[in-house]
Every structure is written in structure tokens, then in C-alpha cells.
Amino acid sequence: MSRGLLALVLVAACGRGSAPPPGSEILDRSRALADKMCACTDRACGTPLRTDWDALTKQIGGVSFTPEQVDALAREDQKFFACMSKLDH
């Protein structure tokens, strides 16, 4: 998991914030973005998805996650960046 996403997930897991969106919504969006990144075949496709990913990670603060959702977010983060790194080759 990228350090930024991991830090935000850990802060969010502490339950900060008064009315955060459900963790499942963030997880669903992260899965969709990871799937889209893995479908890309060139950097032109992946670059805007990276921007979307960065915006999503900024929304994590204050969201409460279950331990299972934290694990799932870590997997999606790894998947996203593994697929993105293949675009560089």
C-alpha cells in the first residue's frame, strides 16, 4: 500500500469525523479505479486515473473502515500501482 493511502486509512480507521461516507463507498470506488488502471494499455489511459486515485485518497480522512475494508483497500492500492507500473515498460 502506498504510504499516503496507508496513513489515511489508519487515521480514518480511528473514526475521526462526524458524518463520514461509508467505507464501502470508498472501497467500491477504489476497486473500480484499480480495475480501470489494469485495463489500460498505455500511459495516456493511466495518467487521468492516477489523478482520480489521488483525489480518492484525499477523501479517506474521517471515513470509518472495518478491518476487512482496510485489508481490501490495501489490496486495491497494490493492484492499482502494480498495473500502473506496467504502463511504464
Protein backbone atom coordinates (compact mmCIF):
# COMPACT_ATOMS: atom_id res chain seq x y z
CA MET A 1 0.00 0.00 0.00
CA SER A 2 1.32 3.43 -0.79
CA ARG A 3 2.42 5.30 2.32
CA GLY A 4 -0.09 8.10 1.76
CA LEU A 5 -3.05 5.75 1.42
CA LEU A 6 -1.93 3.65 4.37
CA ALA A 7 -1.61 6.70 6.61
CA LEU A 8 -5.02 7.99 5.58
CA VAL A 9 -6.66 4.61 6.12
CA LEU A 10 -5.11 4.31 9.57
CA VAL A 11 -6.35 7.77 10.54
CA ALA A 12 -9.78 7.01 9.12
CA ALA A 13 -9.93 3.71 10.97
CA CYS A 14 -9.74 5.66 14.20
CA GLY A 15 -13.22 7.03 13.44
CA ARG A 16 -12.37 10.73 13.15
CA GLY A 17 -15.09 12.97 11.73
CA SER A 18 -18.75 13.44 12.49
CA ALA A 19 -20.57 12.14 9.40
CA PRO A 20 -18.15 10.35 7.09
CA PRO A 21 -19.29 8.49 3.98
CA PRO A 22 -19.46 4.73 4.37
CA GLY A 23 -16.20 2.86 3.93
CA SER A 24 -17.89 0.58 1.43
CA GLU A 25 -18.38 3.51 -0.95
CA ILE A 26 -14.68 4.36 -0.89
CA LEU A 27 -13.77 0.68 -1.29
CA ASP A 28 -16.10 0.30 -4.27
CA ARG A 29 -14.57 3.35 -5.92
CA SER A 30 -11.04 2.10 -5.28
CA ARG A 31 -11.91 -1.27 -6.85
CA ALA A 32 -13.36 0.43 -9.91
CA LEU A 33 -10.29 2.63 -10.35
CA ALA A 34 -7.91 -0.31 -9.90
CA ASP A 35 -9.85 -2.32 -12.49
CA LYS A 36 -9.75 0.59 -14.93
CA MET A 37 -6.00 1.03 -14.41
CA CYS A 38 -5.43 -2.67 -15.06
CA ALA A 39 -7.39 -2.38 -18.31
CA CYS A 40 -5.13 0.40 -19.58
CA THR A 41 -2.53 -0.38 -22.19
CA ASP A 42 -0.68 2.95 -22.26
CA ARG A 43 0.20 5.93 -20.10
CA ALA A 44 -2.36 8.15 -21.84
CA CYS A 45 -5.05 5.94 -20.35
CA GLY A 46 -3.45 5.62 -16.90
CA THR A 47 -2.49 9.23 -16.23
CA PRO A 48 -6.02 10.57 -15.59
CA LEU A 49 -6.77 7.52 -13.45
CA ARG A 50 -3.79 8.37 -11.23
CA THR A 51 -5.29 11.83 -10.76
CA ASP A 52 -8.61 10.22 -9.81
CA TRP A 53 -6.81 7.86 -7.40
CA ASP A 54 -5.04 10.75 -5.69
CA ALA A 55 -8.35 12.59 -5.32
CA LEU A 56 -9.94 9.47 -3.81
CA THR A 57 -7.17 9.10 -1.24
CA LYS A 58 -7.78 12.68 -0.11
CA GLN A 59 -11.40 11.76 0.66
CA ILE A 60 -10.45 8.93 3.02
CA GLY A 61 -9.87 11.16 6.05
CA GLY A 62 -12.72 10.80 8.53
CA VAL A 63 -14.14 7.64 6.96
CA SER A 64 -14.63 4.67 9.28
CA PHE A 65 -13.48 1.32 7.91
CA THR A 66 -13.83 -2.20 9.18
CA PRO A 67 -10.61 -4.22 9.43
CA GLU A 68 -11.74 -6.19 6.37
CA GLN A 69 -12.22 -2.96 4.41
CA VAL A 70 -8.74 -1.77 5.41
CA ASP A 71 -7.28 -5.05 4.10
CA ALA A 72 -9.31 -4.76 0.89
CA LEU A 73 -8.18 -1.16 0.38
CA ALA A 74 -4.57 -2.27 0.78
CA ARG A 75 -5.07 -4.95 -1.89
CA GLU A 76 -6.69 -2.46 -4.28
CA ASP A 77 -3.86 0.01 -3.69
CA GLN A 78 -1.28 -2.67 -4.52
CA LYS A 79 -3.24 -3.74 -7.59
CA PHE A 80 -3.61 -0.16 -8.83
CA PHE A 81 0.09 0.62 -8.54
CA ALA A 82 1.22 -2.75 -9.93
CA CYS A 83 -0.88 -2.17 -13.03
CA MET A 84 0.27 1.42 -13.29
CA SER A 85 3.92 0.37 -13.13
CA LYS A 86 3.39 -1.99 -16.09
CA LEU A 87 2.45 1.02 -18.21
CA ASP A 88 5.98 2.36 -17.80
CA HIS A 89 7.52 -0.66 -19.53
